[in-house]
Amino acid sequence: MSTMQTALQKVFAEWEQGVHAKDAPNLTAKGQKGFKPTNNVSRATFNYVRDNPGCTRAQATDALSAMGYKLSSTASLLSALTRQRQLRILEDGTMHANLTEYAPLKMSSSKKSKKAKKVKEIDTVDIERRVLNMVIERGEQKTPEPVEKRAQLIMHRTADDMDKYIDTLNVRQAKVLMQKLKAIFGESV
């Protein structure tokens, strides 16, 4: 037990003196640890295109997969590097680097905003208003009172009116209409 204790004390003493400073992780100015990356596929992908100007996407992905990088990762990174204008692809399909050194990829803000968008609900009152306006435009009647609207619409609708109405619906509105009809008539609709 004492031999292990003396060995540990010796290692700690050497460590405090800085003998093993080259083995210690690098510290940044803020005191955070900064380790050297061992498998930076992004950097390797950029460097390959920079060092081999005029290569095609297929050549780059094949060469990088031969180096041990995943084909899907390198293909995705080539697209990301092109989107962020670190690489450019000419009309003949050859790729060239726009920068001399690799810069870390930035997260796209458009992906965040797509997740935040909500689907707009369909307003059934708006659909009824459109149908009413179609009837009124044909001049069959003047604007009815709000209580009488629904009854008058049902009485004045023909098969042609419904075809015209269905043609004005977008996909979401048609889906809502189908669901409501199924709720009324059952699954046989």
C-alpha atoms as a PDB file:
ATOM      1  CA  MET A   1       0.000   0.000   0.000  1.00  0.00           C
ATOM      2  CA  SER A   2       2.806   2.394   0.801  1.00  0.00           C
ATOM      3  CA  THR A   3       4.460   1.789  -2.598  1.00  0.00           C
ATOM      4  CA  MET A   4       1.301   2.881  -4.362  1.00  0.00           C
ATOM      5  CA  GLN A   5       1.040   5.908  -2.123  1.00  0.00           C
ATOM      6  CA  THR A   6       4.638   6.959  -2.777  1.00  0.00           C
ATOM      7  CA  ALA A   7       4.193   6.428  -6.524  1.00  0.00           C
ATOM      8  CA  LEU A   8       1.119   8.666  -6.524  1.00  0.00           C
ATOM      9  CA  GLN A   9       2.892  11.350  -4.501  1.00  0.00           C
ATOM     10  CA  LYS A  10       5.760  11.283  -7.001  1.00  0.00           C
ATOM     11  CA  VAL A  11       3.373  11.688  -9.958  1.00  0.00           C
ATOM     12  CA  PHE A  12       1.540  14.553  -8.261  1.00  0.00           C
ATOM     13  CA  ALA A  13       4.817  16.309  -7.476  1.00  0.00           C
ATOM     14  CA  GLU A  14       5.957  16.002 -11.103  1.00  0.00           C
ATOM     15  CA  TRP A  15       2.592  17.223 -12.315  1.00  0.00           C
ATOM     16  CA  GLU A  16       2.755  20.327 -10.123  1.00  0.00           C
ATOM     17  CA  GLN A  17       6.257  21.087 -11.399  1.00  0.00           C
ATOM     18  CA  GLY A  18       5.035  21.036 -14.988  1.00  0.00           C
ATOM     19  CA  VAL A  19       6.905  17.952 -16.166  1.00  0.00           C
ATOM     20  CA  HIS A  20       3.731  16.587 -17.746  1.00  0.00           C
ATOM     21  CA  ALA A  21       2.524  19.942 -19.095  1.00  0.00           C
ATOM     22  CA  LYS A  22       2.758  18.692 -22.673  1.00  0.00           C
ATOM     23  CA  ASP A  23       0.279  15.897 -21.853  1.00  0.00           C
ATOM     24  CA  ALA A  24      -2.226  18.238 -20.177  1.00  0.00           C
ATOM     25  CA  PRO A  25      -5.216  19.478 -22.177  1.00  0.00           C
ATOM     26  CA  ASN A  26      -4.897  22.904 -23.764  1.00  0.00           C
ATOM     27  CA  LEU A  27      -6.534  25.745 -21.880  1.00  0.00           C
ATOM     28  CA  THR A  28      -8.051  28.692 -23.685  1.00  0.00           C
ATOM     29  CA  ALA A  29      -7.947  32.267 -22.454  1.00  0.00           C
ATOM     30  CA  LYS A  30     -11.261  31.796 -20.660  1.00  0.00           C
ATOM     31  CA  GLY A  31      -9.951  28.720 -18.837  1.00  0.00           C
ATOM     32  CA  GLN A  32     -12.098  26.250 -20.766  1.00  0.00           C
ATOM     33  CA  LYS A  33     -10.603  23.027 -21.958  1.00  0.00           C
ATOM     34  CA  GLY A  34      -9.948  22.840 -25.685  1.00  0.00           C
ATOM     35  CA  PHE A  35      -9.124  19.371 -26.934  1.00  0.00           C
ATOM     36  CA  LYS A  36      -7.643  18.672 -30.318  1.00  0.00           C
ATOM     37  CA  PRO A  37     -10.291  17.001 -32.471  1.00  0.00           C
ATOM     38  CA  THR A  38      -9.379  13.486 -33.518  1.00  0.00           C
ATOM     39  CA  ASN A  39     -12.010  12.867 -36.201  1.00  0.00           C
ATOM     40  CA  ASN A  40     -13.047  16.181 -37.746  1.00  0.00           C
ATOM     41  CA  VAL A  41     -14.862  15.052 -40.868  1.00  0.00           C
ATOM     42  CA  SER A  42     -15.930  18.635 -41.649  1.00  0.00           C
ATOM     43  CA  ARG A  43     -12.355  19.881 -41.729  1.00  0.00           C
ATOM     44  CA  ALA A  44     -11.182  16.847 -43.708  1.00  0.00           C
ATOM     45  CA  THR A  45     -13.949  17.334 -46.283  1.00  0.00           C
ATOM     46  CA  PHE A  46     -13.115  21.014 -46.742  1.00  0.00           C
ATOM     47  CA  ASN A  47      -9.370  20.327 -46.900  1.00  0.00           C
ATOM     48  CA  TYR A  48      -9.841  17.613 -49.533  1.00  0.00           C
ATOM     49  CA  VAL A  49     -11.717  19.974 -51.860  1.00  0.00           C
ATOM     50  CA  ARG A  50      -9.246  22.786 -51.159  1.00  0.00           C
ATOM     51  CA  ASP A  51      -6.246  20.533 -51.868  1.00  0.00           C
ATOM     52  CA  ASN A  52      -7.879  18.953 -54.945  1.00  0.00           C
ATOM     53  CA  PRO A  53      -9.547  21.821 -56.837  1.00  0.00           C
ATOM     54  CA  GLY A  54     -11.683  20.695 -59.731  1.00  0.00           C
ATOM     55  CA  CYS A  55     -12.747  17.394 -58.149  1.00  0.00           C
ATOM     56  CA  THR A  56     -16.359  16.307 -58.447  1.00  0.00           C
ATOM     57  CA  ARG A  57     -18.719  15.419 -55.630  1.00  0.00           C
ATOM     58  CA  ALA A  58     -18.409  11.706 -56.421  1.00  0.00           C
ATOM     59  CA  GLN A  59     -14.611  11.843 -56.445  1.00  0.00           C
ATOM     60  CA  ALA A  60     -14.529  13.683 -53.116  1.00  0.00           C
ATOM     61  CA  THR A  61     -16.961  11.347 -51.359  1.00  0.00           C
ATOM     62  CA  ASP A  62     -15.179   8.251 -52.703  1.00  0.00           C
ATOM     63  CA  ALA A  63     -11.751   9.525 -51.631  1.00  0.00           C
ATOM     64  CA  LEU A  64     -12.974  10.537 -48.182  1.00  0.00           C
ATOM     65  CA  SER A  65     -14.765   7.234 -47.636  1.00  0.00           C
ATOM     66  CA  ALA A  66     -11.481   5.494 -48.547  1.00  0.00           C
ATOM     67  CA  MET A  67      -9.896   7.558 -45.742  1.00  0.00           C
ATOM     68  CA  GLY A  68     -12.441   6.105 -43.306  1.00  0.00           C
ATOM     69  CA  TYR A  69     -15.133   8.793 -43.274  1.00  0.00           C
ATOM     70  CA  LYS A  70     -18.787   7.886 -43.809  1.00  0.00           C
ATOM     71  CA  LEU A  71     -20.047   8.496 -47.330  1.00  0.00           C
ATOM     72  CA  SER A  72     -23.325   9.999 -46.097  1.00  0.00           C
ATOM     73  CA  SER A  73     -21.498  12.384 -43.754  1.00  0.00           C
ATOM     74  CA  THR A  74     -19.154  13.676 -46.420  1.00  0.00           C
ATOM     75  CA  ALA A  75     -21.944  14.082 -48.983  1.00  0.00           C
ATOM     76  CA  SER A  76     -24.024  16.031 -46.454  1.00  0.00           C
ATOM     77  CA  LEU A  77     -21.050  18.203 -45.493  1.00  0.00           C
ATOM     78  CA  LEU A  78     -20.307  19.038 -49.120  1.00  0.00           C
ATOM     79  CA  SER A  79     -23.852  20.381 -49.415  1.00  0.00           C
ATOM     80  CA  ALA A  80     -23.565  22.314 -46.144  1.00  0.00           C
ATOM     81  CA  LEU A  81     -20.197  23.795 -47.095  1.00  0.00           C
ATOM     82  CA  THR A  82     -21.645  24.841 -50.452  1.00  0.00           C
ATOM     83  CA  ARG A  83     -24.703  26.433 -48.794  1.00  0.00           C
ATOM     84  CA  GLN A  84     -22.437  28.413 -46.497  1.00  0.00           C
ATOM     85  CA  ARG A  85     -20.289  29.430 -49.472  1.00  0.00           C
ATOM     86  CA  GLN A  86     -17.084  27.857 -48.253  1.00  0.00           C
ATOM     87  CA  LEU A  87     -17.151  25.770 -51.432  1.00  0.00           C
ATOM     88  CA  ARG A  88     -18.546  26.504 -54.853  1.00  0.00           C
ATOM     89  CA  ILE A  89     -19.697  24.086 -57.522  1.00  0.00           C
ATOM     90  CA  LEU A  90     -19.230  25.187 -61.106  1.00  0.00           C
ATOM     91  CA  GLU A  91     -21.604  24.351 -63.958  1.00  0.00           C
ATOM     92  CA  ASP A  92     -19.440  21.420 -65.042  1.00  0.00           C
ATOM     93  CA  GLY A  93     -19.822  19.866 -61.547  1.00  0.00           C
ATOM     94  CA  THR A  94     -16.309  20.603 -60.303  1.00  0.00           C
ATOM     95  CA  MET A  95     -15.842  21.946 -56.790  1.00  0.00           C
ATOM     96  CA  HIS A  96     -13.491  24.672 -55.594  1.00  0.00           C
ATOM     97  CA  ALA A  97     -12.800  26.176 -52.166  1.00  0.00           C
ATOM     98  CA  ASN A  98     -13.661  29.838 -51.639  1.00  0.00           C
ATOM     99  CA  LEU A  99     -11.525  30.081 -48.477  1.00  0.00           C
ATOM    100  CA  THR A 100      -7.952  29.115 -47.707  1.00  0.00           C
ATOM    101  CA  GLU A 101      -8.755  27.745 -44.238  1.00  0.00           C
ATOM    102  CA  TYR A 102     -11.688  25.808 -42.860  1.00  0.00           C
ATOM    103  CA  ALA A 103     -14.209  27.751 -40.770  1.00  0.00           C
ATOM    104  CA  PRO A 104     -16.637  25.828 -38.508  1.00  0.00           C
ATOM    105  CA  LEU A 105     -20.128  25.452 -39.918  1.00  0.00           C
ATOM    106  CA  LYS A 106     -22.813  27.768 -38.588  1.00  0.00           C
ATOM    107  CA  MET A 107     -26.238  26.501 -37.698  1.00  0.00           C
ATOM    108  CA  SER A 108     -28.843  27.622 -40.191  1.00  0.00           C
ATOM    109  CA  SER A 109     -31.501  29.908 -38.743  1.00  0.00           C
ATOM    110  CA  SER A 110     -34.052  28.835 -41.369  1.00  0.00           C
ATOM    111  CA  LYS A 111     -34.373  25.395 -39.771  1.00  0.00           C
ATOM    112  CA  LYS A 112     -35.242  26.956 -36.436  1.00  0.00           C
ATOM    113  CA  SER A 113     -37.911  29.185 -37.965  1.00  0.00           C
ATOM    114  CA  LYS A 114     -39.531  26.279 -39.854  1.00  0.00           C
ATOM    115  CA  LYS A 115     -40.091  24.432 -36.588  1.00  0.00           C
ATOM    116  CA  ALA A 116     -41.650  27.489 -34.984  1.00  0.00           C
ATOM    117  CA  LYS A 117     -44.296  27.967 -37.684  1.00  0.00           C
ATOM    118  CA  LYS A 118     -47.747  26.645 -36.859  1.00  0.00           C
ATOM    119  CA  VAL A 119     -50.289  25.289 -39.288  1.00  0.00           C
ATOM    120  CA  LYS A 120     -53.174  27.676 -39.841  1.00  0.00           C
ATOM    121  CA  GLU A 121     -56.538  26.251 -38.873  1.00  0.00           C
ATOM    122  CA  ILE A 122     -59.276  26.245 -41.500  1.00  0.00           C
ATOM    123  CA  ASP A 123     -62.076  28.636 -40.775  1.00  0.00           C
ATOM    124  CA  THR A 124     -65.421  27.004 -41.555  1.00  0.00           C
ATOM    125  CA  VAL A 125     -67.168  30.363 -41.288  1.00  0.00           C
ATOM    126  CA  ASP A 126     -64.947  31.580 -44.121  1.00  0.00           C
ATOM    127  CA  ILE A 127     -66.030  28.622 -46.271  1.00  0.00           C
ATOM    128  CA  GLU A 128     -69.712  29.362 -45.633  1.00  0.00           C
ATOM    129  CA  ARG A 129     -69.113  33.027 -46.451  1.00  0.00           C
ATOM    130  CA  ARG A 130     -67.510  32.063 -49.778  1.00  0.00           C
ATOM    131  CA  VAL A 131     -70.450  29.858 -50.722  1.00  0.00           C
ATOM    132  CA  LEU A 132     -72.862  32.615 -49.806  1.00  0.00           C
ATOM    133  CA  ASN A 133     -70.913  35.099 -51.924  1.00  0.00           C
ATOM    134  CA  MET A 134     -71.093  32.692 -54.887  1.00  0.00           C
ATOM    135  CA  VAL A 135     -74.863  32.556 -54.558  1.00  0.00           C
ATOM    136  CA  ILE A 136     -75.156  36.318 -54.196  1.00  0.00           C
ATOM    137  CA  GLU A 137     -72.866  36.966 -57.200  1.00  0.00           C
ATOM    138  CA  ARG A 138     -75.254  35.038 -59.411  1.00  0.00           C
ATOM    139  CA  GLY A 139     -77.932  37.493 -58.395  1.00  0.00           C
ATOM    140  CA  GLU A 140     -80.395  34.916 -57.175  1.00  0.00           C
ATOM    141  CA  GLN A 141     -81.039  36.796 -53.953  1.00  0.00           C
ATOM    142  CA  LYS A 142     -79.983  39.781 -51.960  1.00  0.00           C
ATOM    143  CA  THR A 143     -78.016  39.379 -48.741  1.00  0.00           C
ATOM    144  CA  PRO A 144     -80.106  37.365 -46.282  1.00  0.00           C
ATOM    145  CA  GLU A 145     -80.298  37.939 -42.577  1.00  0.00           C
ATOM    146  CA  PRO A 146     -77.637  36.023 -40.548  1.00  0.00           C
ATOM    147  CA  VAL A 147     -80.188  33.597 -39.039  1.00  0.00           C
ATOM    148  CA  GLU A 148     -81.649  32.766 -42.448  1.00  0.00           C
ATOM    149  CA  LYS A 149     -78.317  32.307 -44.251  1.00  0.00           C
ATOM    150  CA  ARG A 150     -77.802  28.638 -43.535  1.00  0.00           C
ATOM    151  CA  ALA A 151     -81.338  27.556 -44.437  1.00  0.00           C
ATOM    152  CA  GLN A 152     -81.335  29.575 -47.652  1.00  0.00           C
ATOM    153  CA  LEU A 153     -77.951  28.186 -48.700  1.00  0.00           C
ATOM    154  CA  ILE A 154     -79.142  24.630 -48.255  1.00  0.00           C
ATOM    155  CA  MET A 155     -82.299  25.287 -50.254  1.00  0.00           C
ATOM    156  CA  HIS A 156     -80.523  27.001 -53.172  1.00  0.00           C
ATOM    157  CA  ARG A 157     -77.601  24.609 -53.644  1.00  0.00           C
ATOM    158  CA  THR A 158     -77.593  22.407 -56.708  1.00  0.00           C
ATOM    159  CA  ALA A 159     -75.155  19.760 -57.888  1.00  0.00           C
ATOM    160  CA  ASP A 160     -73.489  22.343 -60.139  1.00  0.00           C
ATOM    161  CA  ASP A 161     -73.090  24.704 -57.189  1.00  0.00           C
ATOM    162  CA  MET A 162     -71.387  21.989 -55.184  1.00  0.00           C
ATOM    163  CA  ASP A 163     -69.023  21.153 -58.051  1.00  0.00           C
ATOM    164  CA  LYS A 164     -68.056  24.820 -58.340  1.00  0.00           C
ATOM    165  CA  TYR A 165     -67.632  25.013 -54.579  1.00  0.00           C
ATOM    166  CA  ILE A 166     -65.438  21.906 -54.437  1.00  0.00           C
ATOM    167  CA  ASP A 167     -63.272  23.294 -57.246  1.00  0.00           C
ATOM    168  CA  THR A 168     -62.511  26.363 -55.116  1.00  0.00           C
ATOM    169  CA  LEU A 169     -61.253  24.320 -52.131  1.00  0.00           C
ATOM    170  CA  ASN A 170     -57.589  23.788 -51.417  1.00  0.00           C
ATOM    171  CA  VAL A 171     -56.320  20.442 -50.142  1.00  0.00           C
ATOM    172  CA  ARG A 172     -56.667  21.287 -46.454  1.00  0.00           C
ATOM    173  CA  GLN A 173     -60.204  22.568 -46.863  1.00  0.00           C
ATOM    174  CA  ALA A 174     -61.177  19.474 -48.865  1.00  0.00           C
ATOM    175  CA  LYS A 175     -59.760  17.248 -46.134  1.00  0.00           C
ATOM    176  CA  VAL A 176     -61.787  19.054 -43.458  1.00  0.00           C
ATOM    177  CA  LEU A 177     -64.897  18.751 -45.622  1.00  0.00           C
ATOM    178  CA  MET A 178     -64.289  15.021 -46.083  1.00  0.00           C
ATOM    179  CA  GLN A 179     -63.817  14.515 -42.333  1.00  0.00           C
ATOM    180  CA  LYS A 180     -67.032  16.376 -41.552  1.00  0.00           C
ATOM    181  CA  LEU A 181     -68.966  14.369 -44.137  1.00  0.00           C
ATOM    182  CA  LYS A 182     -67.582  11.138 -42.666  1.00  0.00           C
ATOM    183  CA  ALA A 183     -68.657  12.297 -39.220  1.00  0.00           C
ATOM    184  CA  ILE A 184     -72.186  12.963 -40.503  1.00  0.00           C
ATOM    185  CA  PHE A 185     -72.660   9.971 -42.821  1.00  0.00           C
ATOM    186  CA  GLY A 186     -70.203   7.473 -41.393  1.00  0.00           C
ATOM    187  CA  GLU A 187     -67.244   5.779 -43.096  1.00  0.00           C
ATOM    188  CA  SER A 188     -69.254   4.953 -46.243  1.00  0.00           C
ATOM    189  CA  VAL A 189     -68.507   8.427 -47.676  1.00  0.00           C
END
